[in-house]
C-alpha atoms as a PDB file:
ATOM      1  CA  MET A   1     102.636  58.032  93.980  1.00  0.00           C
ATOM      2  CA  ASN A   2      99.017  57.593  92.826  1.00  0.00           C
ATOM      3  CA  ARG A   3      99.213  53.805  92.110  1.00  0.00           C
ATOM      4  CA  ARG A   4      95.389  54.194  90.368  1.00  0.00           C
ATOM      5  CA  ARG A   5      96.536  56.770  88.251  1.00  0.00           C
ATOM      6  CA  PHE A   6      96.649  53.944  85.910  1.00  0.00           C
ATOM      7  CA  LEU A   7      93.149  53.146  85.963  1.00  0.00           C
ATOM      8  CA  THR A   8      92.611  56.130  83.520  1.00  0.00           C
ATOM      9  CA  LEU A   9      94.549  54.241  81.240  1.00  0.00           C
ATOM     10  CA  SER A  10      93.021  50.917  81.477  1.00  0.00           C
ATOM     11  CA  GLY A  11      90.876  50.948  78.442  1.00  0.00           C
ATOM     12  CA  VAL A  12      94.213  51.623  76.340  1.00  0.00           C
ATOM     13  CA  GLY A  13      95.926  48.999  78.408  1.00  0.00           C
ATOM     14  CA  VAL A  14      93.428  46.099  76.783  1.00  0.00           C
ATOM     15  CA  VAL A  15      93.520  48.101  73.321  1.00  0.00           C
ATOM     16  CA  GLY A  16      97.077  46.630  73.914  1.00  0.00           C
ATOM     17  CA  ALA A  17      96.427  43.231  74.941  1.00  0.00           C
ATOM     18  CA  VAL A  18      94.169  42.708  71.621  1.00  0.00           C
ATOM     19  CA  ALA A  19      97.059  43.753  69.439  1.00  0.00           C
ATOM     20  CA  GLY A  20      99.794  41.205  70.734  1.00  0.00           C
ATOM     21  CA  CYS A  21     100.813  37.939  69.447  1.00  0.00           C
ATOM     22  CA  SER A  22      98.409  35.566  70.839  1.00  0.00           C
ATOM     23  CA  SER A  23      99.334  31.663  71.472  1.00  0.00           C
ATOM     24  CA  GLU A  24      96.473  36.895  83.126  1.00  0.00           C
ATOM     25  CA  ALA A  25      98.723  37.178  88.771  1.00  0.00           C
ATOM     26  CA  ASP A  26      99.818  40.880  89.371  1.00  0.00           C
ATOM     27  CA  SER A  27      99.050  40.911  92.807  1.00  0.00           C
ATOM     28  CA  ALA A  28     103.010  41.496  94.240  1.00  0.00           C
ATOM     29  CA  GLU A  29     103.442  45.204  95.125  1.00  0.00           C
ATOM     30  CA  SER A  30     107.128  45.319  94.185  1.00  0.00           C
ATOM     31  CA  VAL A  31     109.968  44.768  91.796  1.00  0.00           C
ATOM     32  CA  ASP A  32     111.193  42.542  94.750  1.00  0.00           C
ATOM     33  CA  ASN A  33     109.308  40.456  95.205  1.00  0.00           C
ATOM     34  CA  HIS A  34     106.622  39.914  92.162  1.00  0.00           C
ATOM     35  CA  PRO A  35     106.836  36.783  90.571  1.00  0.00           C
ATOM     36  CA  ALA A  36     107.772  37.942  87.109  1.00  0.00           C
ATOM     37  CA  ALA A  37     110.956  39.550  88.317  1.00  0.00           C
ATOM     38  CA  ALA A  38     112.578  36.630  89.995  1.00  0.00           C
ATOM     39  CA  ASP A  39     116.711  37.119  89.437  1.00  0.00           C
ATOM     40  CA  LEU A  40     116.095  40.277  87.846  1.00  0.00           C
ATOM     41  CA  ASP A  41     119.785  41.408  88.394  1.00  0.00           C
ATOM     42  CA  ALA A  42     120.884  38.362  86.112  1.00  0.00           C
ATOM     43  CA  GLN A  43     118.345  39.675  83.076  1.00  0.00           C
ATOM     44  CA  PRO A  44     119.502  41.444  79.874  1.00  0.00           C
ATOM     45  CA  ARG A  45     119.050  44.889  80.290  1.00  0.00           C
ATOM     46  CA  ARG A  46     119.367  48.960  79.163  1.00  0.00           C
ATOM     47  CA  GLY A  47     119.696  51.093  82.271  1.00  0.00           C
ATOM     48  CA  GLU A  48     120.575  50.549  86.260  1.00  0.00           C
ATOM     49  CA  LEU A  49     118.421  49.152  88.830  1.00  0.00           C
ATOM     50  CA  GLY A  50     116.715  51.065  91.675  1.00  0.00           C
ATOM     51  CA  GLY A  51     114.266  53.604  89.836  1.00  0.00           C
ATOM     52  CA  HIS A  52     111.115  52.533  87.273  1.00  0.00           C
ATOM     53  CA  VAL A  53     111.424  49.318  85.546  1.00  0.00           C
ATOM     54  CA  ILE A  54     110.055  48.230  82.207  1.00  0.00           C
ATOM     55  CA  LEU A  55     110.146  44.222  82.325  1.00  0.00           C
ATOM     56  CA  ALA A  56     108.991  43.022  78.692  1.00  0.00           C
ATOM     57  CA  PHE A  57     108.821  39.444  78.071  1.00  0.00           C
ATOM     58  CA  GLU A  58     109.642  38.966  74.257  1.00  0.00           C
ATOM     59  CA  ASP A  59     109.291  36.775  71.885  1.00  0.00           C
ATOM     60  CA  PRO A  60     112.250  37.166  68.669  1.00  0.00           C
ATOM     61  CA  SER A  61     109.647  35.406  66.229  1.00  0.00           C
ATOM     62  CA  CYS A  62     106.691  37.704  67.290  1.00  0.00           C
ATOM     63  CA  PRO A  63     105.702  40.527  65.043  1.00  0.00           C
ATOM     64  CA  THR A  64     104.307  43.025  67.697  1.00  0.00           C
ATOM     65  CA  CYS A  65     107.278  42.549  69.640  1.00  0.00           C
ATOM     66  CA  ARG A  66     109.263  43.934  66.601  1.00  0.00           C
ATOM     67  CA  ARG A  67     107.057  46.868  66.570  1.00  0.00           C
ATOM     68  CA  PHE A  68     107.275  47.820  69.801  1.00  0.00           C
ATOM     69  CA  HIS A  69     111.150  47.975  69.643  1.00  0.00           C
ATOM     70  CA  GLU A  70     110.971  49.937  66.678  1.00  0.00           C
ATOM     71  CA  GLU A  71     108.364  52.446  67.760  1.00  0.00           C
ATOM     72  CA  THR A  72     108.318  52.080  71.595  1.00  0.00           C
ATOM     73  CA  LEU A  73     111.880  51.287  72.582  1.00  0.00           C
ATOM     74  CA  PRO A  74     113.523  54.586  71.222  1.00  0.00           C
ATOM     75  CA  ASP A  75     111.677  56.439  73.358  1.00  0.00           C
ATOM     76  CA  ILE A  76     111.873  54.349  76.306  1.00  0.00           C
ATOM     77  CA  ARG A  77     116.033  54.433  75.631  1.00  0.00           C
ATOM     78  CA  GLU A  78     115.923  58.203  75.338  1.00  0.00           C
ATOM     79  CA  ASN A  79     113.548  59.065  78.062  1.00  0.00           C
ATOM     80  CA  ILE A  80     113.836  56.435  80.976  1.00  0.00           C
ATOM     81  CA  VAL A  81     117.154  54.461  80.136  1.00  0.00           C
ATOM     82  CA  ASP A  82     119.648  57.208  79.385  1.00  0.00           C
ATOM     83  CA  THR A  83     118.617  59.668  81.317  1.00  0.00           C
ATOM     84  CA  GLY A  84     119.021  57.186  84.568  1.00  0.00           C
ATOM     85  CA  LYS A  85     115.422  57.178  86.108  1.00  0.00           C
ATOM     86  CA  GLY A  86     115.036  53.605  84.854  1.00  0.00           C
ATOM     87  CA  ALA A  87     116.079  50.002  83.541  1.00  0.00           C
ATOM     88  CA  TYR A  88     114.413  48.182  80.315  1.00  0.00           C
ATOM     89  CA  VAL A  89     115.054  44.698  80.805  1.00  0.00           C
ATOM     90  CA  VAL A  90     114.308  41.575  78.784  1.00  0.00           C
ATOM     91  CA  ARG A  91     112.988  37.791  79.703  1.00  0.00           C
ATOM     92  CA  THR A  92     112.873  35.875  76.489  1.00  0.00           C
ATOM     93  CA  TYR A  93     109.418  33.669  75.724  1.00  0.00           C
ATOM     94  CA  PRO A  94     109.427  32.006  73.029  1.00  0.00           C
ATOM     95  CA  VAL A  95     105.638  31.400  72.720  1.00  0.00           C
ATOM     96  CA  ILE A  96     104.503  32.204  69.141  1.00  0.00           C
ATOM     97  CA  TYR A  97     106.206  30.910  66.350  1.00  0.00           C
ATOM     98  CA  PRO A  98     108.793  27.573  66.321  1.00  0.00           C
ATOM     99  CA  TRP A  99     111.989  29.468  65.127  1.00  0.00           C
ATOM    100  CA  GLY A 100     111.643  31.621  68.539  1.00  0.00           C
ATOM    101  CA  GLU A 101     112.658  28.486  70.545  1.00  0.00           C
ATOM    102  CA  PRO A 102     116.300  28.055  68.989  1.00  0.00           C
ATOM    103  CA  ALA A 103     116.594  31.968  68.724  1.00  0.00           C
ATOM    104  CA  THR A 104     115.932  32.146  72.320  1.00  0.00           C
ATOM    105  CA  GLN A 105     118.527  29.237  72.816  1.00  0.00           C
ATOM    106  CA  ALA A 106     121.219  31.384  70.961  1.00  0.00           C
ATOM    107  CA  LEU A 107     120.190  34.506  72.447  1.00  0.00           C
ATOM    108  CA  GLU A 108     120.950  33.051  76.193  1.00  0.00           C
ATOM    109  CA  SER A 109     124.108  31.499  74.853  1.00  0.00           C
ATOM    110  CA  THR A 110     125.156  34.812  73.286  1.00  0.00           C
ATOM    111  CA  PHE A 111     124.208  36.614  76.639  1.00  0.00           C
ATOM    112  CA  ALA A 112     126.230  34.239  78.889  1.00  0.00           C
ATOM    113  CA  ARG A 113     129.604  35.332  76.363  1.00  0.00           C
ATOM    114  CA  ASP A 114     128.890  39.013  75.675  1.00  0.00           C
ATOM    115  CA  SER A 115     125.637  40.921  76.411  1.00  0.00           C
ATOM    116  CA  GLU A 116     126.498  43.934  73.489  1.00  0.00           C
ATOM    117  CA  ALA A 117     126.520  40.916  70.903  1.00  0.00           C
ATOM    118  CA  TYR A 118     123.092  39.984  72.895  1.00  0.00           C
ATOM    119  CA  TRP A 119     121.476  42.823  71.828  1.00  0.00           C
ATOM    120  CA  ALA A 120     122.792  42.718  68.654  1.00  0.00           C
ATOM    121  CA  LEU A 121     121.441  39.765  68.042  1.00  0.00           C
ATOM    122  CA  PHE A 122     118.237  40.542  69.423  1.00  0.00           C
ATOM    123  CA  GLU A 123     117.712  43.460  67.175  1.00  0.00           C
ATOM    124  CA  HIS A 124     118.881  41.576  64.171  1.00  0.00           C
ATOM    125  CA  TYR A 125     116.089  38.598  64.674  1.00  0.00           C
ATOM    126  CA  PHE A 126     113.531  41.693  64.589  1.00  0.00           C
ATOM    127  CA  ALA A 127     115.118  43.022  61.400  1.00  0.00           C
ATOM    128  CA  GLU A 128     115.366  40.265  59.639  1.00  0.00           C
ATOM    129  CA  GLN A 129     112.315  38.193  61.103  1.00  0.00           C
ATOM    130  CA  SER A 130     110.691  37.057  57.437  1.00  0.00           C
ATOM    131  CA  SER A 131     113.597  35.578  56.781  1.00  0.00           C
ATOM    132  CA  PHE A 132     113.716  33.104  59.714  1.00  0.00           C
ATOM    133  CA  ASP A 133     112.536  29.543  60.296  1.00  0.00           C
ATOM    134  CA  PRO A 134     113.137  26.495  62.481  1.00  0.00           C
ATOM    135  CA  ASP A 135     115.476  24.841  59.615  1.00  0.00           C
ATOM    136  CA  ASN A 136     117.998  28.007  59.018  1.00  0.00           C
ATOM    137  CA  VAL A 137     117.605  30.076  62.482  1.00  0.00           C
ATOM    138  CA  LEU A 138     120.905  29.055  64.054  1.00  0.00           C
ATOM    139  CA  ASP A 139     123.073  29.061  60.971  1.00  0.00           C
ATOM    140  CA  ARG A 140     121.805  32.643  60.420  1.00  0.00           C
ATOM    141  CA  THR A 141     122.799  33.080  63.749  1.00  0.00           C
ATOM    142  CA  ALA A 142     126.247  31.476  63.744  1.00  0.00           C
ATOM    143  CA  MET A 143     126.437  34.081  60.032  1.00  0.00           C
ATOM    144  CA  PHE A 144     125.970  37.056  61.757  1.00  0.00           C
ATOM    145  CA  LEU A 145     127.820  36.675  65.625  1.00  0.00           C
ATOM    146  CA  THR A 146     130.919  35.667  63.760  1.00  0.00           C
ATOM    147  CA  GLU A 147     130.341  38.533  61.043  1.00  0.00           C
ATOM    148  CA  GLU A 148     129.200  41.148  63.240  1.00  0.00           C
ATOM    149  CA  THR A 149     129.998  40.771  66.565  1.00  0.00           C
ATOM    150  CA  ALA A 150     133.330  39.385  68.730  1.00  0.00           C
ATOM    151  CA  VAL A 151     131.281  36.319  69.610  1.00  0.00           C
ATOM    152  CA  ASP A 152     132.208  32.690  68.160  1.00  0.00           C
ATOM    153  CA  GLY A 153     128.735  32.261  66.146  1.00  0.00           C
ATOM    154  CA  GLU A 154     129.733  28.773  65.382  1.00  0.00           C
ATOM    155  CA  ALA A 155     130.097  28.236  69.247  1.00  0.00           C
ATOM    156  CA  VAL A 156     127.198  29.637  70.243  1.00  0.00           C
ATOM    157  CA  ALA A 157     125.387  27.744  67.299  1.00  0.00           C
ATOM    158  CA  ARG A 158     126.502  24.817  68.906  1.00  0.00           C
ATOM    159  CA  ASP A 159     125.178  25.539  72.184  1.00  0.00           C
ATOM    160  CA  ALA A 160     121.879  26.380  71.446  1.00  0.00           C
ATOM    161  CA  GLN A 161     122.013  23.146  69.327  1.00  0.00           C
ATOM    162  CA  GLU A 162     122.851  21.340  72.467  1.00  0.00           C
ATOM    163  CA  GLN A 163     120.348  23.837  74.823  1.00  0.00           C
ATOM    164  CA  ALA A 164     123.493  24.508  77.243  1.00  0.00           C
ATOM    165  CA  HIS A 165     122.170  27.360  78.587  1.00  0.00           C
ATOM    166  CA  ASN A 166     118.240  26.293  78.723  1.00  0.00           C
ATOM    167  CA  ASP A 167     117.991  26.852  82.820  1.00  0.00           C
ATOM    168  CA  ALA A 168     118.205  30.513  81.910  1.00  0.00           C
ATOM    169  CA  VAL A 169     116.046  30.293  79.078  1.00  0.00           C
ATOM    170  CA  GLN A 170     113.212  28.039  81.523  1.00  0.00           C
ATOM    171  CA  ALA A 171     113.968  30.331  84.267  1.00  0.00           C
ATOM    172  CA  ASP A 172     112.426  32.931  81.881  1.00  0.00           C
ATOM    173  CA  ILE A 173     109.113  30.585  81.272  1.00  0.00           C
ATOM    174  CA  GLN A 174     109.143  29.953  84.520  1.00  0.00           C
ATOM    175  CA  ALA A 175     108.788  33.466  85.576  1.00  0.00           C
ATOM    176  CA  ALA A 176     105.877  34.297  83.201  1.00  0.00           C
ATOM    177  CA  GLU A 177     104.198  31.079  84.362  1.00  0.00           C
ATOM    178  CA  ASP A 178     104.662  31.994  87.873  1.00  0.00           C
ATOM    179  CA  ALA A 179     103.228  35.324  87.374  1.00  0.00           C
ATOM    180  CA  GLY A 180     100.454  34.144  85.085  1.00  0.00           C
ATOM    181  CA  LEU A 181     100.855  36.055  82.397  1.00  0.00           C
ATOM    182  CA  GLY A 182      99.481  34.237  79.513  1.00  0.00           C
ATOM    183  CA  GLU A 183     101.168  33.828  76.120  1.00  0.00           C
ATOM    184  CA  THR A 184      99.922  36.848  74.583  1.00  0.00           C
ATOM    185  CA  THR A 185     103.437  39.009  73.664  1.00  0.00           C
ATOM    186  CA  PRO A 186     104.883  41.384  74.046  1.00  0.00           C
ATOM    187  CA  ILE A 187     103.750  41.079  77.711  1.00  0.00           C
ATOM    188  CA  ILE A 188     105.320  44.685  79.815  1.00  0.00           C
ATOM    189  CA  LEU A 189     105.278  45.348  83.251  1.00  0.00           C
ATOM    190  CA  LEU A 190     105.885  48.330  84.768  1.00  0.00           C
ATOM    191  CA  PHE A 191     107.297  49.423  88.061  1.00  0.00           C
ATOM    192  CA  GLU A 192     107.369  53.217  89.174  1.00  0.00           C
ATOM    193  CA  ASP A 193     110.372  53.378  91.068  1.00  0.00           C
ATOM    194  CA  GLY A 194     110.016  49.838  92.157  1.00  0.00           C
ATOM    195  CA  GLU A 195     106.732  49.675  92.961  1.00  0.00           C
ATOM    196  CA  PHE A 196     104.190  47.883  90.923  1.00  0.00           C
ATOM    197  CA  VAL A 197     102.012  49.472  88.650  1.00  0.00           C
ATOM    198  CA  THR A 198     100.245  47.473  85.968  1.00  0.00           C
ATOM    199  CA  LYS A 199     100.554  44.612  83.404  1.00  0.00           C
ATOM    200  CA  VAL A 200      99.752  45.616  79.233  1.00  0.00           C
ATOM    201  CA  ASN A 201      99.992  43.414  76.600  1.00  0.00           C
ATOM    202  CA  GLY A 202     100.897  44.897  72.571  1.00  0.00           C
ATOM    203  CA  SER A 203     102.832  47.054  70.796  1.00  0.00           C
ATOM    204  CA  VAL A 204     101.819  49.735  73.307  1.00  0.00           C
ATOM    205  CA  SER A 205     102.843  53.442  73.356  1.00  0.00           C
ATOM    206  CA  TYR A 206     105.520  54.996  75.144  1.00  0.00           C
ATOM    207  CA  ASP A 207     102.922  57.632  76.466  1.00  0.00           C
ATOM    208  CA  LEU A 208     100.701  55.046  77.733  1.00  0.00           C
ATOM    209  CA  ILE A 209     103.916  53.832  79.132  1.00  0.00           C
ATOM    210  CA  ALA A 210     105.013  57.249  80.504  1.00  0.00           C
ATOM    211  CA  GLU A 211     101.959  58.437  81.927  1.00  0.00           C
ATOM    212  CA  ALA A 212     101.934  54.969  84.366  1.00  0.00           C
ATOM    213  CA  LEU A 213     105.603  55.663  85.227  1.00  0.00           C
ATOM    214  CA  GLY A 214     104.294  59.147  86.771  1.00  0.00           C
ATOM    215  CA  GLU A 215     106.674  60.797  83.923  1.00  0.00           C
ATOM    216  CA  ARG A 216     103.557  62.886  82.388  1.00  0.00           C
ATOM    217  CA  ASP A 217     102.867  64.571  86.056  1.00  0.00           C
ATOM    218  CA  GLY A 218     102.694  67.979  86.180  1.00  0.00           C
END
């Protein structure tokens, strides 16, 4: 692959960074040694590791992350995940609005029980983003999980309140800090067949991601 292909997209990448939600160590060369990808196999993901990796640091309270999920993620799933070309991996990074912190605790508590319930809750946070605040997020989380998934929502809310899975939450934050990612979400790291290509910020288009990963060649 031509690792410098992305230089032609650098201007677009800058636009993406400006568009992100705001509150930079991408020298490692592969998914195996990049600090942002530490313990990657234990993270929530769609698709299988071994090909391309789209690693996204996201805050459930971030409106730009919501737009990324609505506008770009469907194309990632259709063209990368569902075709077996790679994986989309999420690390939660609560740096925008205060309710993102208890929501992230709840996400990790849910993931420890059921990965599909985790994805359902993640999508629920984005879909109903404007209705959450620090005072109601765990009550609303418990109600959603109990009504819409097989997970005990009250148990998740208790775990989140007690930070029972705080090690997982802190591991994601530490990975972002070790990689020098800053606090503009979403932060998306792209690995073409395991080799680091670039980092972009904001609700970037699928076309940008596809070109960076060599999916527009030929």
